[in-house]
Amino acid sequence: MDDDELAEELRRDDGGAEEESPEPVAARPARPSARKEGGIPAWAKIGAVFVLLGGGVAVLLFGTSASDAFVYSKLVNEVMSEPDRYVGRELRVEGQLEQGSVQFEDEPSCEHRFVLEREGHAMSVRFPRCVVPDTFRDDMPMDVVVQGQLQTDGTFLANQVIPRCPSKYEMRERQQNGEQMPHAAVPGGETS
């Protein structure tokens, strides 16, 4: 027999043979329930985890006061032109320190007082701390950023004072104009 005849014979045998019926499948044991008697379903556990995570995020975002989360940055002239609009809000205010305005009172408690100005507007600042940054000086022009709240009497109660030191380019220009700069090099290698 050649290959073609063999293939033909095999085809006839397959087609003519009766198909055997499949053996009956043994009944499977019942699948254990995902929920035990009195237990918590899995979907409820997952839901509870998401609720707890969402609650944690909400506490982080809103647990601190909303004023801490949102701080407005303004210039002295913007705040003092409409002070009623900003009373009681947490603000960062930038202005130029008025020369000679810094006062320190140690009785009854430590407090620094000074004035910030810009474009004809002035704002009195109270900073109830004993220590201010080293570069905070009123014997030269200096921009200062304060953070805190504007009070109903128009004074600004600061909880943070940030002197804005001039860049090295501004320092060169000011030194050429004869101004004394904080931490500027002086002849002999010392700093002022």
N, C-alpha and C. Protein backbone atom coordinates (compact mmCIF):
# COMPACT_ATOMS: atom_id res chain seq x y z
N MET A 1 0.83 -1.17 0.00
CA MET A 1 0.00 0.00 0.00
C MET A 1 0.87 1.23 0.00
N ASP A 2 0.42 2.11 -0.79
CA ASP A 2 1.19 3.35 -0.82
C ASP A 2 0.58 4.36 0.15
N ASP A 3 1.16 5.47 0.25
CA ASP A 3 0.75 6.48 1.25
C ASP A 3 -0.66 6.97 1.01
N ASP A 4 -1.05 7.15 -0.23
CA ASP A 4 -2.39 7.66 -0.51
C ASP A 4 -3.45 6.64 -0.09
N GLU A 5 -3.20 5.38 -0.37
CA GLU A 5 -4.18 4.37 0.00
C GLU A 5 -4.29 4.27 1.52
N LEU A 6 -3.16 4.36 2.20
CA LEU A 6 -3.17 4.28 3.65
C LEU A 6 -3.95 5.44 4.24
N ALA A 7 -3.77 6.62 3.73
CA ALA A 7 -4.48 7.80 4.21
C ALA A 7 -5.97 7.64 3.98
N GLU A 8 -6.35 7.10 2.83
CA GLU A 8 -7.75 6.88 2.51
C GLU A 8 -8.36 5.87 3.48
N GLU A 9 -7.66 4.80 3.75
CA GLU A 9 -8.14 3.77 4.67
C GLU A 9 -8.34 4.34 6.08
N LEU A 10 -7.41 5.17 6.51
CA LEU A 10 -7.53 5.77 7.83
C LEU A 10 -8.74 6.70 7.91
N ARG A 11 -9.00 7.42 6.85
CA ARG A 11 -10.16 8.32 6.83
C ARG A 11 -11.45 7.53 6.94
N ARG A 12 -11.50 6.42 6.25
CA ARG A 12 -12.70 5.60 6.29
C ARG A 12 -12.91 5.02 7.68
N ASP A 13 -11.84 4.61 8.31
CA ASP A 13 -11.97 4.02 9.64
C ASP A 13 -12.44 5.07 10.66
N ASP A 14 -11.93 6.26 10.57
CA ASP A 14 -12.34 7.31 11.53
C ASP A 14 -13.79 7.71 11.31
N GLY A 15 -14.20 7.88 10.12
CA GLY A 15 -15.55 8.31 9.81
C GLY A 15 -16.56 7.25 10.11
N GLY A 16 -16.22 6.01 9.95
CA GLY A 16 -17.17 4.94 10.13
C GLY A 16 -17.28 4.51 11.57
N ALA A 17 -16.34 4.83 12.39
CA ALA A 17 -16.37 4.38 13.78
C ALA A 17 -17.39 5.18 14.56
N GLU A 18 -18.06 4.48 15.42
CA GLU A 18 -19.05 5.17 16.24
C GLU A 18 -18.31 5.93 17.34
N GLU A 19 -18.84 7.08 17.57
CA GLU A 19 -18.23 7.87 18.63
C GLU A 19 -18.60 7.28 19.97
N GLU A 20 -17.62 7.20 20.79
CA GLU A 20 -17.89 6.69 22.12
C GLU A 20 -18.49 7.81 22.96
N SER A 21 -19.42 7.45 23.74
CA SER A 21 -20.02 8.46 24.59
C SER A 21 -19.07 8.76 25.75
N PRO A 22 -19.00 9.98 26.13
CA PRO A 22 -18.09 10.32 27.20
C PRO A 22 -18.54 9.68 28.51
N GLU A 23 -17.55 9.41 29.33
CA GLU A 23 -17.87 8.81 30.63
C GLU A 23 -18.55 9.87 31.49
N PRO A 24 -19.49 9.44 32.28
CA PRO A 24 -20.15 10.42 33.14
C PRO A 24 -19.14 11.03 34.12
N VAL A 25 -19.29 12.31 34.29
CA VAL A 25 -18.40 13.04 35.19
C VAL A 25 -18.95 12.92 36.60
N ALA A 26 -18.07 12.62 37.50
CA ALA A 26 -18.49 12.51 38.89
C ALA A 26 -18.95 13.87 39.39
N ALA A 27 -19.94 13.87 40.15
CA ALA A 27 -20.45 15.14 40.69
C ALA A 27 -19.38 15.80 41.55
N ARG A 28 -19.16 17.05 41.26
CA ARG A 28 -18.15 17.80 42.03
C ARG A 28 -18.73 18.16 43.39
N PRO A 29 -17.85 18.19 44.37
CA PRO A 29 -18.36 18.62 45.68
C PRO A 29 -18.73 20.10 45.60
N ALA A 30 -19.67 20.49 46.35
CA ALA A 30 -20.11 21.88 46.35
C ALA A 30 -18.94 22.79 46.73
N ARG A 31 -18.84 23.90 45.99
CA ARG A 31 -17.77 24.86 46.22
C ARG A 31 -18.03 25.57 47.54
N PRO A 32 -16.98 25.67 48.37
CA PRO A 32 -17.23 26.33 49.65
C PRO A 32 -17.61 27.79 49.41
N SER A 33 -18.51 28.27 50.18
CA SER A 33 -18.99 29.64 50.05
C SER A 33 -17.91 30.61 50.51
N ALA A 34 -17.80 31.74 49.79
CA ALA A 34 -16.85 32.77 50.17
C ALA A 34 -17.27 33.40 51.50
N ARG A 35 -18.53 33.22 51.83
CA ARG A 35 -19.05 33.82 53.06
C ARG A 35 -19.38 32.71 54.05
N LYS A 36 -18.78 32.80 55.18
CA LYS A 36 -19.08 31.83 56.22
C LYS A 36 -20.31 32.32 56.97
N GLU A 37 -20.90 31.45 57.66
CA GLU A 37 -22.06 31.80 58.46
C GLU A 37 -21.68 32.90 59.43
N GLY A 38 -22.31 34.07 59.32
CA GLY A 38 -22.03 35.17 60.23
C GLY A 38 -20.78 35.95 59.88
N GLY A 39 -20.05 35.60 58.81
CA GLY A 39 -18.83 36.30 58.41
C GLY A 39 -19.13 37.52 57.55
N ILE A 40 -18.09 38.29 57.23
CA ILE A 40 -18.24 39.50 56.41
C ILE A 40 -17.85 39.16 54.99
N PRO A 41 -18.69 39.50 54.01
CA PRO A 41 -18.33 39.21 52.61
C PRO A 41 -17.08 39.99 52.19
N ALA A 42 -16.36 39.45 51.23
CA ALA A 42 -15.12 40.06 50.76
C ALA A 42 -15.36 41.46 50.22
N TRP A 43 -16.45 41.68 49.48
CA TRP A 43 -16.72 43.01 48.92
C TRP A 43 -16.92 44.05 50.01
N ALA A 44 -17.46 43.62 51.15
CA ALA A 44 -17.66 44.56 52.25
C ALA A 44 -16.32 44.93 52.88
N LYS A 45 -15.41 43.97 52.95
CA LYS A 45 -14.08 44.25 53.50
C LYS A 45 -13.34 45.24 52.61
N ILE A 46 -13.41 45.03 51.30
CA ILE A 46 -12.75 45.94 50.35
C ILE A 46 -13.36 47.33 50.45
N GLY A 47 -14.66 47.39 50.53
CA GLY A 47 -15.33 48.68 50.67
C GLY A 47 -14.91 49.41 51.93
N ALA A 48 -14.78 48.66 53.03
CA ALA A 48 -14.37 49.26 54.29
C ALA A 48 -12.96 49.83 54.20
N VAL A 49 -12.07 49.12 53.51
CA VAL A 49 -10.70 49.61 53.33
C VAL A 49 -10.71 50.93 52.57
N PHE A 50 -11.51 51.02 51.50
CA PHE A 50 -11.57 52.26 50.73
C PHE A 50 -12.16 53.41 51.55
N VAL A 51 -13.15 53.12 52.36
CA VAL A 51 -13.74 54.15 53.21
C VAL A 51 -12.70 54.66 54.21
N LEU A 52 -11.94 53.75 54.82
CA LEU A 52 -10.91 54.16 55.77
C LEU A 52 -9.81 54.97 55.10
N LEU A 53 -9.39 54.56 53.91
CA LEU A 53 -8.37 55.32 53.18
C LEU A 53 -8.89 56.71 52.83
N GLY A 54 -10.12 56.78 52.35
CA GLY A 54 -10.71 58.08 52.02
C GLY A 54 -10.82 58.98 53.24
N GLY A 55 -11.18 58.40 54.38
CA GLY A 55 -11.26 59.17 55.62
C GLY A 55 -9.90 59.68 56.05
N GLY A 56 -8.87 58.84 55.88
CA GLY A 56 -7.51 59.27 56.23
C GLY A 56 -7.04 60.43 55.37
N VAL A 57 -7.34 60.36 54.08
CA VAL A 57 -6.96 61.46 53.18
C VAL A 57 -7.72 62.73 53.57
N ALA A 58 -8.99 62.59 53.90
CA ALA A 58 -9.78 63.77 54.30
C ALA A 58 -9.22 64.41 55.56
N VAL A 59 -8.80 63.59 56.51
CA VAL A 59 -8.23 64.13 57.75
C VAL A 59 -6.93 64.87 57.45
N LEU A 60 -6.11 64.30 56.57
CA LEU A 60 -4.85 64.96 56.23
C LEU A 60 -5.10 66.29 55.53
N LEU A 61 -6.07 66.31 54.62
CA LEU A 61 -6.34 67.54 53.87
C LEU A 61 -7.08 68.58 54.70
N PHE A 62 -8.06 68.15 55.46
CA PHE A 62 -8.91 69.11 56.14
C PHE A 62 -8.79 69.07 57.66
N GLY A 63 -7.96 68.16 58.16
CA GLY A 63 -7.76 68.07 59.61
C GLY A 63 -7.06 69.29 60.15
N THR A 64 -6.11 69.81 59.36
CA THR A 64 -5.52 71.09 59.74
C THR A 64 -6.51 72.15 59.29
N SER A 65 -6.41 73.31 59.85
CA SER A 65 -7.37 74.33 59.46
C SER A 65 -7.20 74.68 57.99
N ALA A 66 -8.27 75.05 57.36
CA ALA A 66 -8.24 75.38 55.93
C ALA A 66 -7.29 76.54 55.67
N SER A 67 -7.11 77.41 56.65
CA SER A 67 -6.22 78.55 56.44
C SER A 67 -4.77 78.10 56.31
N ASP A 68 -4.41 76.97 56.94
CA ASP A 68 -3.05 76.45 56.80
C ASP A 68 -2.83 75.89 55.41
N ALA A 69 -3.87 75.32 54.83
CA ALA A 69 -3.74 74.70 53.51
C ALA A 69 -3.66 75.75 52.41
N PHE A 70 -4.33 76.89 52.59
CA PHE A 70 -4.38 77.90 51.55
C PHE A 70 -3.85 79.22 52.09
N VAL A 71 -2.66 79.60 51.67
CA VAL A 71 -2.05 80.84 52.14
C VAL A 71 -1.93 81.78 50.94
N TYR A 72 -2.54 82.94 51.06
CA TYR A 72 -2.46 83.94 50.00
C TYR A 72 -1.12 84.67 50.09
N SER A 73 -0.49 84.92 48.95
CA SER A 73 0.72 85.74 48.89
C SER A 73 0.35 87.08 48.28
N LYS A 74 0.59 88.13 49.02
CA LYS A 74 0.20 89.48 48.59
C LYS A 74 1.33 90.45 48.89
N LEU A 75 1.23 91.63 48.29
CA LEU A 75 2.13 92.74 48.57
C LEU A 75 1.44 93.66 49.58
N VAL A 76 2.24 94.41 50.33
CA VAL A 76 1.70 95.30 51.35
C VAL A 76 0.63 96.23 50.76
N ASN A 77 0.91 96.81 49.61
CA ASN A 77 -0.06 97.75 49.03
C ASN A 77 -1.38 97.08 48.67
N GLU A 78 -1.35 95.80 48.26
CA GLU A 78 -2.58 95.08 47.93
C GLU A 78 -3.41 94.85 49.20
N VAL A 79 -2.75 94.45 50.27
CA VAL A 79 -3.46 94.17 51.52
C VAL A 79 -3.99 95.44 52.15
N MET A 80 -3.17 96.47 52.22
CA MET A 80 -3.58 97.68 52.93
C MET A 80 -4.53 98.56 52.13
N SER A 81 -4.67 98.31 50.83
CA SER A 81 -5.66 99.08 50.07
C SER A 81 -7.07 98.54 50.31
N GLU A 82 -7.20 97.27 50.73
CA GLU A 82 -8.48 96.66 51.07
C GLU A 82 -8.32 95.78 52.31
N PRO A 83 -8.00 96.35 53.46
CA PRO A 83 -7.69 95.53 54.63
C PRO A 83 -8.84 94.65 55.11
N ASP A 84 -10.09 95.12 55.00
CA ASP A 84 -11.23 94.33 55.47
C ASP A 84 -11.34 93.00 54.74
N ARG A 85 -10.88 92.98 53.53
CA ARG A 85 -10.95 91.75 52.71
C ARG A 85 -10.02 90.65 53.24
N TYR A 86 -8.96 91.03 53.95
CA TYR A 86 -7.94 90.07 54.38
C TYR A 86 -7.90 89.81 55.88
N VAL A 87 -8.73 90.48 56.67
CA VAL A 87 -8.70 90.30 58.12
C VAL A 87 -9.01 88.84 58.47
N GLY A 88 -8.15 88.26 59.31
CA GLY A 88 -8.37 86.90 59.79
C GLY A 88 -7.91 85.79 58.86
N ARG A 89 -7.49 86.10 57.65
CA ARG A 89 -7.00 85.08 56.72
C ARG A 89 -5.50 84.87 56.91
N GLU A 90 -5.06 83.65 56.70
CA GLU A 90 -3.63 83.35 56.73
C GLU A 90 -3.01 83.92 55.46
N LEU A 91 -2.03 84.81 55.62
CA LEU A 91 -1.43 85.52 54.48
C LEU A 91 0.09 85.48 54.54
N ARG A 92 0.67 85.61 53.38
CA ARG A 92 2.10 85.95 53.27
C ARG A 92 2.12 87.31 52.60
N VAL A 93 2.77 88.25 53.26
CA VAL A 93 2.80 89.62 52.75
C VAL A 93 4.25 90.05 52.59
N GLU A 94 4.54 90.64 51.43
CA GLU A 94 5.90 91.11 51.15
C GLU A 94 5.90 92.63 51.06
N GLY A 95 6.93 93.22 51.65
CA GLY A 95 7.10 94.66 51.57
C GLY A 95 8.53 95.00 51.92
N GLN A 96 8.84 96.30 51.83
CA GLN A 96 10.18 96.75 52.18
C GLN A 96 10.17 97.21 53.64
N LEU A 97 11.17 96.73 54.38
CA LEU A 97 11.29 97.09 55.79
C LEU A 97 11.62 98.58 55.89
N GLU A 98 10.79 99.31 56.64
CA GLU A 98 11.03 100.74 56.83
C GLU A 98 12.24 100.89 57.74
N GLN A 99 13.24 101.64 57.26
CA GLN A 99 14.47 101.80 58.03
C GLN A 99 14.17 102.51 59.35
N GLY A 100 14.76 101.97 60.42
CA GLY A 100 14.59 102.56 61.75
C GLY A 100 13.30 102.18 62.45
N SER A 101 12.50 101.31 61.86
CA SER A 101 11.20 100.99 62.45
C SER A 101 11.22 99.79 63.40
N VAL A 102 12.31 99.03 63.43
CA VAL A 102 12.33 97.82 64.25
C VAL A 102 12.46 98.18 65.72
N GLN A 103 11.53 97.66 66.53
CA GLN A 103 11.55 97.84 67.98
C GLN A 103 11.44 96.47 68.63
N PHE A 104 12.12 96.31 69.75
CA PHE A 104 12.06 95.05 70.49
C PHE A 104 11.60 95.33 71.90
N GLU A 105 10.58 94.61 72.33
CA GLU A 105 10.08 94.73 73.71
C GLU A 105 10.21 93.37 74.36
N ASP A 106 10.86 93.33 75.52
CA ASP A 106 11.00 92.05 76.22
C ASP A 106 10.07 91.94 77.42
N GLU A 107 9.31 92.97 77.71
CA GLU A 107 8.35 92.93 78.81
C GLU A 107 6.97 93.18 78.25
N PRO A 108 5.95 92.52 78.57
CA PRO A 108 5.84 91.35 79.43
C PRO A 108 6.33 90.06 78.73
N SER A 109 6.35 90.05 77.40
CA SER A 109 6.91 88.90 76.69
C SER A 109 7.64 89.43 75.46
N CYS A 110 8.50 88.63 74.91
CA CYS A 110 9.31 89.06 73.76
C CYS A 110 8.41 89.37 72.56
N GLU A 111 8.69 90.51 71.94
CA GLU A 111 7.95 90.86 70.73
C GLU A 111 8.75 91.86 69.90
N HIS A 112 8.84 91.60 68.62
CA HIS A 112 9.45 92.54 67.68
C HIS A 112 8.32 93.26 66.96
N ARG A 113 8.50 94.56 66.76
CA ARG A 113 7.53 95.36 66.01
C ARG A 113 8.30 96.12 64.94
N PHE A 114 7.70 96.18 63.76
CA PHE A 114 8.33 96.90 62.65
C PHE A 114 7.26 97.25 61.63
N VAL A 115 7.67 98.01 60.62
CA VAL A 115 6.73 98.47 59.59
C VAL A 115 7.24 98.02 58.23
N LEU A 116 6.33 97.47 57.43
CA LEU A 116 6.61 97.14 56.03
C LEU A 116 5.87 98.14 55.17
N GLU A 117 6.48 98.53 54.06
CA GLU A 117 5.84 99.51 53.18
C GLU A 117 6.05 99.13 51.72
N ARG A 118 5.15 99.65 50.88
CA ARG A 118 5.29 99.50 49.44
C ARG A 118 4.27 100.43 48.77
N GLU A 119 4.76 101.17 47.82
CA GLU A 119 3.94 102.07 46.99
C GLU A 119 3.00 102.95 47.83
N GLY A 120 3.55 103.56 48.87
CA GLY A 120 2.78 104.51 49.66
C GLY A 120 1.90 103.89 50.73
N HIS A 121 1.85 102.60 50.84
CA HIS A 121 1.06 101.92 51.87
C HIS A 121 2.02 101.33 52.91
N ALA A 122 1.61 101.43 54.19
CA ALA A 122 2.44 100.89 55.27
C ALA A 122 1.60 99.94 56.11
N MET A 123 2.28 98.93 56.67
CA MET A 123 1.61 97.94 57.50
C MET A 123 2.46 97.69 58.75
N SER A 124 1.88 97.92 59.92
CA SER A 124 2.57 97.64 61.18
C SER A 124 2.52 96.14 61.44
N VAL A 125 3.68 95.59 61.84
CA VAL A 125 3.79 94.14 62.06
C VAL A 125 4.21 93.89 63.49
N ARG A 126 3.57 92.91 64.12
CA ARG A 126 3.97 92.41 65.44
C ARG A 126 4.42 90.98 65.27
N PHE A 127 5.60 90.67 65.79
CA PHE A 127 6.16 89.32 65.72
C PHE A 127 6.48 88.88 67.14
N PRO A 128 5.58 88.10 67.79
CA PRO A 128 5.75 87.75 69.20
C PRO A 128 6.76 86.63 69.44
N ARG A 129 7.99 86.88 69.06
CA ARG A 129 9.08 85.92 69.28
C ARG A 129 10.30 86.70 69.78
N CYS A 130 11.16 86.01 70.49
CA CYS A 130 12.37 86.65 71.03
C CYS A 130 13.47 86.75 69.99
N VAL A 131 13.46 85.87 69.01
CA VAL A 131 14.56 85.79 68.06
C VAL A 131 14.04 86.00 66.63
N VAL A 132 14.79 86.80 65.87
CA VAL A 132 14.49 86.98 64.44
C VAL A 132 15.70 86.47 63.66
N PRO A 133 15.56 86.23 62.35
CA PRO A 133 16.70 85.77 61.56
C PRO A 133 17.87 86.76 61.61
N ASP A 134 19.09 86.23 61.50
CA ASP A 134 20.31 87.06 61.58
C ASP A 134 20.33 88.19 60.57
N THR A 135 19.80 87.95 59.38
CA THR A 135 19.89 88.96 58.32
C THR A 135 18.79 90.00 58.40
N PHE A 136 17.92 89.92 59.40
CA PHE A 136 16.85 90.89 59.57
C PHE A 136 17.40 92.13 60.23
N ARG A 137 17.64 93.16 59.43
CA ARG A 137 18.22 94.42 59.91
C ARG A 137 17.49 95.59 59.27
N ASP A 138 17.35 96.67 60.01
CA ASP A 138 16.64 97.82 59.44
C ASP A 138 17.57 98.99 59.13
N ASP A 139 18.88 98.73 59.07
CA ASP A 139 19.81 99.82 58.76
C ASP A 139 20.14 99.89 57.27
N MET A 140 19.38 99.17 56.46
CA MET A 140 19.58 99.19 55.01
C MET A 140 18.27 98.76 54.35
N PRO A 141 18.11 99.06 53.07
CA PRO A 141 16.90 98.63 52.37
C PRO A 141 16.84 97.10 52.32
N MET A 142 15.69 96.55 52.69
CA MET A 142 15.53 95.10 52.70
C MET A 142 14.07 94.73 52.47
N ASP A 143 13.84 93.78 51.58
CA ASP A 143 12.50 93.23 51.42
C ASP A 143 12.30 92.13 52.45
N VAL A 144 11.10 92.07 53.02
CA VAL A 144 10.78 91.09 54.05
C VAL A 144 9.43 90.47 53.72
N VAL A 145 9.33 89.16 53.93
CA VAL A 145 8.07 88.44 53.79
C VAL A 145 7.65 88.02 55.19
N VAL A 146 6.41 88.32 55.54
CA VAL A 146 5.87 87.90 56.83
C VAL A 146 4.66 87.00 56.56
N GLN A 147 4.48 86.02 57.43
CA GLN A 147 3.31 85.15 57.32
C GLN A 147 2.55 85.23 58.62
N GLY A 148 1.23 85.33 58.52
CA GLY A 148 0.39 85.43 59.70
C GLY A 148 -0.99 85.93 59.31
N GLN A 149 -1.59 86.73 60.21
CA GLN A 149 -2.95 87.21 59.97
C GLN A 149 -3.07 88.70 60.25
N LEU A 150 -3.82 89.37 59.41
CA LEU A 150 -4.13 90.78 59.61
C LEU A 150 -5.21 90.87 60.67
N GLN A 151 -4.98 91.70 61.68
CA GLN A 151 -5.92 91.86 62.79
C GLN A 151 -6.94 92.96 62.46
N THR A 152 -8.02 93.00 63.21
CA THR A 152 -9.07 94.00 62.96
C THR A 152 -8.58 95.42 63.18
N ASP A 153 -7.54 95.60 64.03
CA ASP A 153 -7.01 96.95 64.27
C ASP A 153 -6.03 97.39 63.19
N GLY A 154 -5.81 96.55 62.15
CA GLY A 154 -4.93 96.92 61.04
C GLY A 154 -3.49 96.47 61.19
N THR A 155 -3.13 95.92 62.37
CA THR A 155 -1.76 95.40 62.53
C THR A 155 -1.72 93.97 62.03
N PHE A 156 -0.53 93.56 61.64
CA PHE A 156 -0.33 92.20 61.13
C PHE A 156 0.37 91.40 62.21
N LEU A 157 -0.25 90.31 62.66
CA LEU A 157 0.33 89.43 63.67
C LEU A 157 1.06 88.31 62.93
N ALA A 158 2.39 88.38 62.93
CA ALA A 158 3.20 87.44 62.16
C ALA A 158 3.61 86.24 63.00
N ASN A 159 3.60 85.07 62.36
CA ASN A 159 4.14 83.88 63.00
C ASN A 159 5.43 83.44 62.33
N GLN A 160 5.81 84.16 61.28
CA GLN A 160 7.05 83.87 60.56
C GLN A 160 7.56 85.15 59.90
N VAL A 161 8.87 85.39 59.97
CA VAL A 161 9.51 86.54 59.33
C VAL A 161 10.65 86.01 58.47
N ILE A 162 10.62 86.38 57.18
CA ILE A 162 11.63 85.89 56.24
C ILE A 162 12.26 87.09 55.54
N PRO A 163 13.49 87.47 55.94
CA PRO A 163 14.17 88.55 55.23
C PRO A 163 14.59 88.05 53.85
N ARG A 164 14.40 88.87 52.85
CA ARG A 164 14.77 88.51 51.48
C ARG A 164 16.10 89.18 51.19
N CYS A 165 17.16 88.43 51.32
CA CYS A 165 18.49 88.99 51.06
C CYS A 165 18.64 89.24 49.56
N PRO A 166 19.30 90.32 49.21
CA PRO A 166 19.48 90.61 47.80
C PRO A 166 20.38 89.57 47.14
N SER A 167 20.20 89.40 45.83
CA SER A 167 21.06 88.48 45.08
C SER A 167 22.46 89.07 44.98
N LYS A 168 23.41 88.27 44.53
CA LYS A 168 24.79 88.77 44.43
C LYS A 168 24.89 89.93 43.45
N TYR A 169 24.01 89.96 42.45
CA TYR A 169 24.04 91.06 41.48
C TYR A 169 23.50 92.35 42.11
N GLU A 170 22.41 92.21 42.89
CA GLU A 170 21.88 93.38 43.59
C GLU A 170 22.88 93.87 44.63
N MET A 171 23.58 92.94 45.27
CA MET A 171 24.57 93.33 46.28
C MET A 171 25.68 94.15 45.65
N ARG A 172 26.18 93.72 44.48
CA ARG A 172 27.25 94.48 43.80
C ARG A 172 26.77 95.88 43.47
N GLU A 173 25.54 95.96 42.94
CA GLU A 173 24.98 97.26 42.57
C GLU A 173 24.83 98.16 43.79
N ARG A 174 24.35 97.59 44.89
CA ARG A 174 24.16 98.39 46.11
C ARG A 174 25.50 98.79 46.72
N GLN A 175 26.48 97.88 46.65
CA GLN A 175 27.80 98.21 47.18
C GLN A 175 28.43 99.33 46.36
N GLN A 176 28.21 99.31 45.04
CA GLN A 176 28.75 100.38 44.20
C GLN A 176 28.10 101.71 44.55
N ASN A 177 26.88 101.67 45.06
CA ASN A 177 26.19 102.88 45.48
C ASN A 177 26.54 103.26 46.92
N GLY A 178 27.45 102.49 47.55
CA GLY A 178 27.91 102.81 48.89
C GLY A 178 27.07 102.24 50.01
N GLU A 179 26.14 101.31 49.71
CA GLU A 179 25.30 100.73 50.75
C GLU A 179 26.01 99.56 51.42
N GLN A 180 25.78 99.40 52.73
CA GLN A 180 26.31 98.27 53.49
C GLN A 180 25.37 97.09 53.29
N MET A 181 25.90 95.90 52.98
CA MET A 181 25.09 94.71 52.73
C MET A 181 25.33 93.67 53.84
N PRO A 182 24.30 92.89 54.18
CA PRO A 182 24.50 91.85 55.19
C PRO A 182 25.40 90.77 54.62
N HIS A 183 26.34 90.29 55.42
CA HIS A 183 27.24 89.19 55.07
C HIS A 183 28.10 89.53 53.83
N ALA A 184 28.27 90.79 53.54
CA ALA A 184 29.10 91.17 52.39
C ALA A 184 30.56 91.15 52.80
N ALA A 185 31.40 90.77 51.88
CA ALA A 185 32.84 90.72 52.18
C ALA A 185 33.38 92.13 52.30
N VAL A 186 34.24 92.34 53.29
CA VAL A 186 34.89 93.62 53.46
C VAL A 186 36.39 93.40 53.35
N PRO A 187 37.15 94.45 53.09
CA PRO A 187 38.60 94.27 52.98
C PRO A 187 39.15 93.57 54.22
N GLY A 188 40.08 92.67 54.00
CA GLY A 188 40.69 91.93 55.10
C GLY A 188 40.07 90.55 55.28
N GLY A 189 39.08 90.19 54.45
CA GLY A 189 38.48 88.86 54.48
C GLY A 189 37.42 88.65 55.53
N GLU A 190 37.09 89.67 56.34
CA GLU A 190 36.06 89.52 57.37
C GLU A 190 34.70 89.79 56.75
N THR A 191 33.67 89.32 57.42
CA THR A 191 32.31 89.62 56.97
C THR A 191 31.67 90.58 57.95
N SER A 192 30.72 91.33 57.45
CA SER A 192 30.05 92.28 58.33
C SER A 192 28.82 91.69 58.92
